N, C-alpha and C. Protein backbone atom coordinates (compact mmCIF):
# COMPACT_ATOMS: atom_id res chain seq x y z
N UNK A 1 -14.86 6.48 -5.78
CA UNK A 1 -13.87 5.58 -6.31
C UNK A 1 -14.60 4.33 -6.79
N UNK A 2 -14.21 3.89 -7.95
CA UNK A 2 -14.90 2.73 -8.54
C UNK A 2 -14.43 1.42 -7.92
N UNK A 3 -13.10 1.19 -7.87
CA UNK A 3 -12.55 -0.06 -7.36
C UNK A 3 -11.67 0.18 -6.14
N UNK A 4 -11.67 -0.78 -5.24
CA UNK A 4 -10.69 -0.84 -4.17
C UNK A 4 -10.07 -2.22 -4.25
N UNK A 5 -8.77 -2.27 -4.53
CA UNK A 5 -8.06 -3.54 -4.62
C UNK A 5 -7.63 -3.94 -3.22
N UNK A 6 -8.00 -5.14 -2.81
CA UNK A 6 -7.82 -5.60 -1.44
C UNK A 6 -6.67 -6.61 -1.38
N UNK A 7 -5.79 -6.42 -0.38
CA UNK A 7 -4.72 -7.38 -0.14
C UNK A 7 -4.98 -8.07 1.20
N UNK A 8 -4.26 -9.14 1.45
CA UNK A 8 -4.56 -9.99 2.61
C UNK A 8 -4.42 -9.28 3.95
N UNK A 9 -3.46 -8.40 4.10
CA UNK A 9 -3.25 -7.71 5.37
C UNK A 9 -4.48 -6.96 5.84
N UNK A 10 -5.20 -6.37 4.93
CA UNK A 10 -6.41 -5.62 5.29
C UNK A 10 -7.48 -6.55 5.84
N UNK A 11 -7.59 -7.73 5.27
CA UNK A 11 -8.59 -8.70 5.74
C UNK A 11 -8.16 -9.27 7.08
N UNK A 12 -6.90 -9.64 7.19
CA UNK A 12 -6.38 -10.23 8.43
C UNK A 12 -6.55 -9.27 9.60
N UNK A 13 -6.29 -7.98 9.35
CA UNK A 13 -6.39 -6.97 10.41
C UNK A 13 -7.82 -6.49 10.65
N UNK A 14 -8.75 -6.91 9.81
CA UNK A 14 -10.14 -6.52 9.98
C UNK A 14 -10.41 -5.07 9.61
N UNK A 15 -9.66 -4.54 8.65
CA UNK A 15 -9.84 -3.15 8.22
C UNK A 15 -11.25 -2.93 7.68
N UNK A 16 -11.84 -1.79 8.01
CA UNK A 16 -13.20 -1.44 7.57
C UNK A 16 -13.10 -0.78 6.19
N UNK A 17 -12.90 -1.57 5.17
CA UNK A 17 -12.66 -1.05 3.83
C UNK A 17 -13.88 -0.38 3.22
N UNK A 18 -15.07 -0.74 3.67
CA UNK A 18 -16.28 -0.11 3.12
C UNK A 18 -16.30 1.39 3.38
N UNK A 19 -15.56 1.85 4.36
CA UNK A 19 -15.52 3.28 4.67
C UNK A 19 -14.82 4.10 3.59
N UNK A 20 -14.12 3.44 2.66
CA UNK A 20 -13.44 4.15 1.58
C UNK A 20 -14.40 4.57 0.47
N UNK A 21 -15.61 4.04 0.47
CA UNK A 21 -16.61 4.45 -0.50
C UNK A 21 -16.45 3.88 -1.89
N UNK A 22 -15.78 2.75 -2.01
CA UNK A 22 -15.61 2.12 -3.32
C UNK A 22 -16.92 1.49 -3.78
N UNK A 23 -17.11 1.47 -5.08
CA UNK A 23 -18.28 0.79 -5.65
C UNK A 23 -18.07 -0.72 -5.67
N UNK A 24 -16.81 -1.13 -5.93
CA UNK A 24 -16.50 -2.56 -6.04
C UNK A 24 -15.20 -2.86 -5.30
N UNK A 25 -15.15 -4.03 -4.67
CA UNK A 25 -13.97 -4.50 -3.95
C UNK A 25 -13.44 -5.71 -4.71
N UNK A 26 -12.15 -5.66 -5.07
CA UNK A 26 -11.59 -6.66 -5.96
C UNK A 26 -10.26 -7.15 -5.41
N UNK A 27 -9.96 -8.42 -5.65
CA UNK A 27 -8.66 -8.98 -5.27
C UNK A 27 -8.32 -10.10 -6.23
N UNK A 28 -7.16 -10.71 -6.02
CA UNK A 28 -6.77 -11.90 -6.79
C UNK A 28 -7.03 -13.13 -5.93
N UNK A 29 -7.24 -14.26 -6.56
CA UNK A 29 -7.57 -15.50 -5.85
C UNK A 29 -6.50 -15.86 -4.81
N UNK A 30 -5.25 -15.58 -5.11
CA UNK A 30 -4.15 -15.94 -4.20
C UNK A 30 -4.24 -15.21 -2.87
N UNK A 31 -4.82 -14.02 -2.85
CA UNK A 31 -5.01 -13.28 -1.59
C UNK A 31 -5.94 -14.07 -0.69
N UNK A 32 -7.00 -14.61 -1.24
CA UNK A 32 -7.94 -15.39 -0.45
C UNK A 32 -7.26 -16.63 0.13
N UNK A 33 -6.35 -17.23 -0.64
CA UNK A 33 -5.62 -18.41 -0.17
C UNK A 33 -4.68 -18.07 0.99
N UNK A 34 -4.26 -16.80 1.08
CA UNK A 34 -3.37 -16.39 2.17
C UNK A 34 -4.11 -16.23 3.51
N UNK A 35 -5.42 -16.20 3.48
CA UNK A 35 -6.22 -16.03 4.70
C UNK A 35 -6.41 -17.41 5.33
N UNK A 36 -5.57 -17.72 6.32
CA UNK A 36 -5.60 -19.04 6.95
C UNK A 36 -6.12 -19.01 8.38
N UNK A 37 -5.92 -17.91 9.07
CA UNK A 37 -6.35 -17.78 10.46
C UNK A 37 -7.87 -17.91 10.54
N UNK A 38 -8.34 -18.67 11.52
CA UNK A 38 -9.78 -18.93 11.66
C UNK A 38 -10.59 -17.65 11.81
N UNK A 39 -10.11 -16.72 12.64
CA UNK A 39 -10.84 -15.46 12.84
C UNK A 39 -10.88 -14.64 11.55
N UNK A 40 -9.77 -14.61 10.82
CA UNK A 40 -9.72 -13.86 9.57
C UNK A 40 -10.62 -14.51 8.52
N UNK A 41 -10.67 -15.84 8.50
CA UNK A 41 -11.57 -16.54 7.56
C UNK A 41 -13.02 -16.22 7.89
N UNK A 42 -13.33 -16.11 9.18
CA UNK A 42 -14.70 -15.76 9.59
C UNK A 42 -15.03 -14.35 9.13
N UNK A 43 -14.08 -13.41 9.27
CA UNK A 43 -14.30 -12.03 8.80
C UNK A 43 -14.51 -12.02 7.29
N UNK A 44 -13.71 -12.81 6.59
CA UNK A 44 -13.81 -12.89 5.13
C UNK A 44 -15.20 -13.40 4.72
N UNK A 45 -15.73 -14.35 5.46
CA UNK A 45 -17.04 -14.93 5.14
C UNK A 45 -18.19 -13.98 5.43
N UNK A 46 -17.95 -12.98 6.25
CA UNK A 46 -19.04 -12.07 6.65
C UNK A 46 -18.77 -10.62 6.27
N UNK A 47 -17.98 -10.41 5.23
CA UNK A 47 -17.71 -9.03 4.80
C UNK A 47 -19.01 -8.34 4.43
N UNK A 48 -19.13 -7.04 4.74
CA UNK A 48 -20.37 -6.32 4.41
C UNK A 48 -20.42 -5.86 2.95
N UNK A 49 -19.58 -6.43 2.11
CA UNK A 49 -19.55 -6.11 0.69
C UNK A 49 -19.12 -7.37 -0.05
N UNK A 50 -19.40 -7.41 -1.34
CA UNK A 50 -18.97 -8.54 -2.15
C UNK A 50 -17.51 -8.33 -2.54
N UNK A 51 -16.68 -9.33 -2.33
CA UNK A 51 -15.28 -9.28 -2.71
C UNK A 51 -15.10 -10.11 -3.97
N UNK A 52 -14.90 -9.43 -5.09
CA UNK A 52 -14.74 -10.09 -6.38
C UNK A 52 -13.30 -10.53 -6.57
N UNK A 53 -13.09 -11.60 -7.33
CA UNK A 53 -11.74 -11.98 -7.72
C UNK A 53 -11.61 -11.76 -9.22
N UNK A 54 -10.45 -11.25 -9.60
CA UNK A 54 -10.14 -11.00 -11.01
C UNK A 54 -8.70 -11.43 -11.25
N UNK A 55 -8.40 -11.74 -12.48
CA UNK A 55 -7.05 -12.09 -12.88
C UNK A 55 -6.40 -10.90 -13.57
N UNK A 56 -5.19 -10.51 -13.16
CA UNK A 56 -4.51 -9.42 -13.87
C UNK A 56 -4.07 -9.91 -15.25
N UNK A 57 -4.05 -9.00 -16.19
CA UNK A 57 -3.64 -9.34 -17.55
C UNK A 57 -2.13 -9.55 -17.62
N UNK A 58 -1.69 -10.21 -18.68
CA UNK A 58 -0.25 -10.39 -18.91
C UNK A 58 0.43 -9.03 -19.11
N UNK A 59 -0.26 -8.11 -19.78
CA UNK A 59 0.27 -6.77 -19.98
C UNK A 59 0.52 -6.09 -18.64
N UNK A 60 -0.42 -6.23 -17.72
CA UNK A 60 -0.29 -5.62 -16.40
C UNK A 60 0.85 -6.28 -15.62
N UNK A 61 0.93 -7.61 -15.68
CA UNK A 61 2.01 -8.32 -14.98
C UNK A 61 3.37 -7.89 -15.51
N UNK A 62 3.49 -7.77 -16.82
CA UNK A 62 4.76 -7.35 -17.42
C UNK A 62 5.13 -5.94 -16.99
N UNK A 63 4.16 -5.03 -17.00
CA UNK A 63 4.42 -3.64 -16.62
C UNK A 63 4.86 -3.54 -15.16
N UNK A 64 4.19 -4.28 -14.28
CA UNK A 64 4.53 -4.23 -12.85
C UNK A 64 5.89 -4.86 -12.60
N UNK A 65 6.17 -6.00 -13.23
CA UNK A 65 7.49 -6.64 -13.06
C UNK A 65 8.60 -5.71 -13.55
N UNK A 66 8.39 -5.10 -14.70
CA UNK A 66 9.40 -4.20 -15.27
C UNK A 66 9.68 -3.04 -14.31
N UNK A 67 8.64 -2.43 -13.78
CA UNK A 67 8.84 -1.28 -12.89
C UNK A 67 9.45 -1.72 -11.56
N UNK A 68 9.03 -2.87 -11.03
CA UNK A 68 9.61 -3.38 -9.78
C UNK A 68 11.09 -3.68 -9.95
N UNK A 69 11.48 -4.12 -11.13
CA UNK A 69 12.90 -4.37 -11.41
C UNK A 69 13.66 -3.05 -11.42
N UNK A 70 13.09 -2.03 -12.05
CA UNK A 70 13.72 -0.71 -12.11
C UNK A 70 13.91 -0.12 -10.72
N UNK A 71 12.90 -0.28 -9.86
CA UNK A 71 12.97 0.31 -8.52
C UNK A 71 13.78 -0.52 -7.55
N UNK A 72 14.12 -1.75 -7.94
CA UNK A 72 14.86 -2.64 -7.05
C UNK A 72 13.96 -3.41 -6.10
N UNK A 73 12.65 -3.36 -6.32
CA UNK A 73 11.70 -4.04 -5.44
C UNK A 73 11.36 -5.46 -5.86
N UNK A 74 11.75 -5.86 -7.05
CA UNK A 74 11.35 -7.17 -7.56
C UNK A 74 11.78 -8.31 -6.64
N UNK A 75 12.96 -8.20 -6.06
CA UNK A 75 13.49 -9.27 -5.21
C UNK A 75 12.71 -9.42 -3.90
N UNK A 76 12.04 -8.38 -3.45
CA UNK A 76 11.35 -8.44 -2.16
C UNK A 76 9.83 -8.55 -2.28
N UNK A 77 9.30 -8.45 -3.47
CA UNK A 77 7.85 -8.59 -3.67
C UNK A 77 7.52 -10.05 -3.96
N UNK A 78 6.50 -10.56 -3.28
CA UNK A 78 6.05 -11.93 -3.55
C UNK A 78 5.26 -11.95 -4.85
N UNK A 79 5.02 -13.15 -5.35
CA UNK A 79 4.21 -13.29 -6.55
C UNK A 79 2.80 -12.74 -6.31
N UNK A 80 2.27 -12.95 -5.12
CA UNK A 80 0.94 -12.42 -4.78
C UNK A 80 0.98 -10.89 -4.78
N UNK A 81 2.03 -10.30 -4.20
CA UNK A 81 2.18 -8.84 -4.21
C UNK A 81 2.18 -8.32 -5.65
N UNK A 82 2.93 -8.97 -6.51
CA UNK A 82 3.01 -8.54 -7.92
C UNK A 82 1.65 -8.66 -8.59
N UNK A 83 0.90 -9.71 -8.29
CA UNK A 83 -0.42 -9.89 -8.89
C UNK A 83 -1.41 -8.84 -8.40
N UNK A 84 -1.33 -8.48 -7.11
CA UNK A 84 -2.20 -7.43 -6.57
C UNK A 84 -1.86 -6.09 -7.24
N UNK A 85 -0.58 -5.79 -7.36
CA UNK A 85 -0.17 -4.55 -8.03
C UNK A 85 -0.59 -4.55 -9.49
N UNK A 86 -0.44 -5.69 -10.16
CA UNK A 86 -0.83 -5.78 -11.57
C UNK A 86 -2.34 -5.62 -11.73
N UNK A 87 -3.11 -6.17 -10.81
CA UNK A 87 -4.56 -5.98 -10.85
C UNK A 87 -4.90 -4.50 -10.71
N UNK A 88 -4.22 -3.83 -9.81
CA UNK A 88 -4.44 -2.39 -9.63
C UNK A 88 -4.11 -1.64 -10.92
N UNK A 89 -2.98 -1.97 -11.53
CA UNK A 89 -2.54 -1.35 -12.79
C UNK A 89 -3.61 -1.59 -13.87
N UNK A 90 -4.07 -2.83 -13.97
CA UNK A 90 -5.06 -3.19 -14.99
C UNK A 90 -6.38 -2.44 -14.81
N UNK A 91 -6.84 -2.34 -13.56
CA UNK A 91 -8.09 -1.63 -13.30
C UNK A 91 -7.94 -0.13 -13.53
N UNK A 92 -6.76 0.40 -13.26
CA UNK A 92 -6.51 1.82 -13.54
C UNK A 92 -6.61 2.07 -15.04
N UNK A 93 -6.03 1.19 -15.84
CA UNK A 93 -6.12 1.29 -17.30
C UNK A 93 -7.58 1.16 -17.75
N UNK A 94 -8.30 0.23 -17.16
CA UNK A 94 -9.71 0.02 -17.50
C UNK A 94 -10.55 1.26 -17.19
N UNK A 95 -10.31 1.87 -16.05
CA UNK A 95 -11.10 3.03 -15.62
C UNK A 95 -10.73 4.30 -16.37
N UNK A 96 -9.45 4.53 -16.55
CA UNK A 96 -8.99 5.79 -17.14
C UNK A 96 -8.78 5.70 -18.65
N UNK A 97 -8.64 4.47 -19.17
CA UNK A 97 -8.40 4.31 -20.59
C UNK A 97 -6.96 4.55 -20.99
N UNK A 98 -6.11 4.86 -20.03
CA UNK A 98 -4.69 5.11 -20.29
C UNK A 98 -3.91 4.87 -19.01
N UNK A 99 -2.62 4.65 -19.18
CA UNK A 99 -1.73 4.57 -18.01
C UNK A 99 -0.64 5.64 -18.13
N UNK A 100 -0.89 6.63 -18.98
CA UNK A 100 0.11 7.68 -19.19
C UNK A 100 0.44 8.43 -17.91
N UNK A 101 -0.47 8.45 -16.95
CA UNK A 101 -0.25 9.17 -15.69
C UNK A 101 0.54 8.33 -14.68
N UNK A 102 0.80 7.06 -14.99
CA UNK A 102 1.57 6.19 -14.09
C UNK A 102 3.05 6.22 -14.48
N UNK A 103 3.90 6.14 -13.48
CA UNK A 103 5.34 6.14 -13.75
C UNK A 103 5.77 4.83 -14.40
N UNK A 104 6.70 4.97 -15.33
CA UNK A 104 7.33 3.80 -15.94
C UNK A 104 8.84 3.85 -15.75
N UNK A 105 9.33 4.98 -15.25
CA UNK A 105 10.75 5.15 -14.95
C UNK A 105 10.86 5.85 -13.60
N UNK A 106 12.05 5.81 -13.04
CA UNK A 106 12.28 6.52 -11.79
C UNK A 106 12.35 8.02 -12.05
N UNK A 107 11.88 8.83 -11.13
CA UNK A 107 11.98 10.28 -11.32
C UNK A 107 13.45 10.70 -11.28
N UNK A 108 13.77 11.73 -12.03
CA UNK A 108 15.12 12.29 -12.02
C UNK A 108 15.25 13.11 -10.76
N UNK A 109 16.27 12.82 -10.00
CA UNK A 109 16.46 13.52 -8.73
C UNK A 109 17.50 14.61 -8.91
N UNK A 110 17.22 15.71 -8.27
CA UNK A 110 18.17 16.81 -8.26
C UNK A 110 19.21 16.58 -7.18
N UNK A 111 20.08 17.56 -6.99
CA UNK A 111 21.08 17.42 -5.93
C UNK A 111 20.40 17.39 -4.57
N UNK A 112 21.01 16.74 -3.58
CA UNK A 112 20.40 16.69 -2.26
C UNK A 112 20.27 18.07 -1.65
N UNK A 113 19.22 18.25 -0.87
CA UNK A 113 19.00 19.53 -0.19
C UNK A 113 20.09 19.73 0.85
N UNK A 114 20.47 20.98 1.08
CA UNK A 114 21.48 21.23 2.11
C UNK A 114 20.96 20.81 3.47
N UNK A 115 21.83 20.24 4.27
CA UNK A 115 21.44 19.79 5.61
C UNK A 115 21.43 20.98 6.55
N UNK A 116 20.42 21.01 7.39
CA UNK A 116 20.35 22.06 8.40
C UNK A 116 20.35 21.40 9.76
N UNK A 117 20.89 22.08 10.73
CA UNK A 117 20.94 21.53 12.08
C UNK A 117 19.54 21.56 12.68
N UNK A 118 19.18 20.49 13.38
CA UNK A 118 17.89 20.44 14.07
C UNK A 118 18.00 21.26 15.35
N UNK A 119 16.92 21.94 15.74
CA UNK A 119 16.97 22.70 16.99
C UNK A 119 17.20 21.76 18.17
N UNK A 120 17.88 22.25 19.17
CA UNK A 120 18.18 21.44 20.35
C UNK A 120 17.12 21.65 21.42
N UNK A 121 16.82 20.60 22.16
CA UNK A 121 15.87 20.69 23.27
C UNK A 121 16.63 21.08 24.53
N UNK A 122 15.90 21.25 25.61
CA UNK A 122 16.52 21.63 26.88
C UNK A 122 17.49 20.56 27.37
N UNK A 123 17.26 19.31 26.97
CA UNK A 123 18.14 18.22 27.41
C UNK A 123 19.33 18.03 26.48
N UNK A 124 19.44 18.86 25.47
CA UNK A 124 20.57 18.76 24.55
C UNK A 124 20.35 17.75 23.44
N UNK A 125 19.09 17.30 23.25
CA UNK A 125 18.78 16.36 22.18
C UNK A 125 18.18 17.13 21.02
N UNK A 126 18.38 16.63 19.83
CA UNK A 126 17.78 17.28 18.67
C UNK A 126 16.28 17.06 18.69
N UNK A 127 15.51 18.12 18.51
CA UNK A 127 14.05 18.02 18.45
C UNK A 127 13.66 17.43 17.11
N UNK A 128 12.60 16.63 17.09
CA UNK A 128 12.12 16.00 15.87
C UNK A 128 10.98 16.84 15.32
N UNK A 129 11.10 17.22 14.04
CA UNK A 129 10.06 18.01 13.38
C UNK A 129 9.70 19.26 14.18
N UNK A 130 10.66 19.85 14.84
CA UNK A 130 10.41 21.08 15.58
C UNK A 130 9.67 20.88 16.88
N UNK A 131 9.46 19.63 17.34
CA UNK A 131 8.77 19.40 18.60
C UNK A 131 9.62 19.92 19.74
N UNK A 132 8.98 20.41 20.73
CA UNK A 132 9.68 20.89 21.91
C UNK A 132 9.76 19.78 22.94
N UNK A 133 10.75 19.87 23.80
CA UNK A 133 10.93 18.90 24.87
C UNK A 133 9.67 18.86 25.74
N UNK A 134 9.30 17.67 26.17
CA UNK A 134 8.15 17.54 27.06
C UNK A 134 6.90 17.05 26.35
N UNK A 135 6.86 17.11 25.01
CA UNK A 135 5.69 16.57 24.31
C UNK A 135 5.74 15.06 24.39
N UNK A 136 4.61 14.45 24.42
CA UNK A 136 4.52 13.02 24.63
C UNK A 136 4.74 12.26 23.33
N UNK A 137 5.98 11.85 23.09
CA UNK A 137 6.31 11.09 21.89
C UNK A 137 5.79 9.67 22.00
N UNK A 138 5.57 9.17 23.21
CA UNK A 138 5.07 7.80 23.37
C UNK A 138 3.69 7.65 22.74
N UNK A 139 2.88 8.68 22.81
CA UNK A 139 1.55 8.62 22.19
C UNK A 139 1.69 8.49 20.68
N UNK A 140 2.63 9.23 20.11
CA UNK A 140 2.86 9.12 18.67
C UNK A 140 3.37 7.73 18.32
N UNK A 141 4.28 7.18 19.13
CA UNK A 141 4.79 5.84 18.88
C UNK A 141 3.67 4.82 18.93
N UNK A 142 2.75 4.97 19.86
CA UNK A 142 1.64 4.03 19.98
C UNK A 142 0.75 4.08 18.75
N UNK A 143 0.50 5.28 18.24
CA UNK A 143 -0.33 5.43 17.05
C UNK A 143 0.39 4.84 15.84
N UNK A 144 1.71 5.05 15.78
CA UNK A 144 2.49 4.55 14.65
C UNK A 144 2.81 3.07 14.78
N UNK A 145 2.42 2.45 15.86
CA UNK A 145 2.68 1.04 16.03
C UNK A 145 4.03 0.74 16.65
N UNK A 146 4.71 1.75 17.20
CA UNK A 146 6.06 1.56 17.72
C UNK A 146 6.16 1.34 19.14
């Protein structure tokens, strides 16, 4: 992968982004401004890779805003979120030479699938994803952050 676009959450959480194998790590200046915690700033200062800043183009910003409006996400995305997405869009265009493979409209949905009853466990509860009673769901919750 040529580029990995970095957002503030990855830096704050100390994610090991170099493991993704990107050639270049890129973000927008506003992401760096969001890093206020002393420990996160220290991680930012000692990253094992160079973190470049780039500005998304107006074309990219327009495309991302338009699609976020279509999906209903515009109201919940911050300006920084939009700029990170636009940078990703811009770099995709730069790398591929086209954005024809990116969605510009919502997919057409067919009729909903018929509902089927979930299998019941020994305790009379519906099993999740076919899990049987007695499996440790707490471990899954811990992994999922729940």
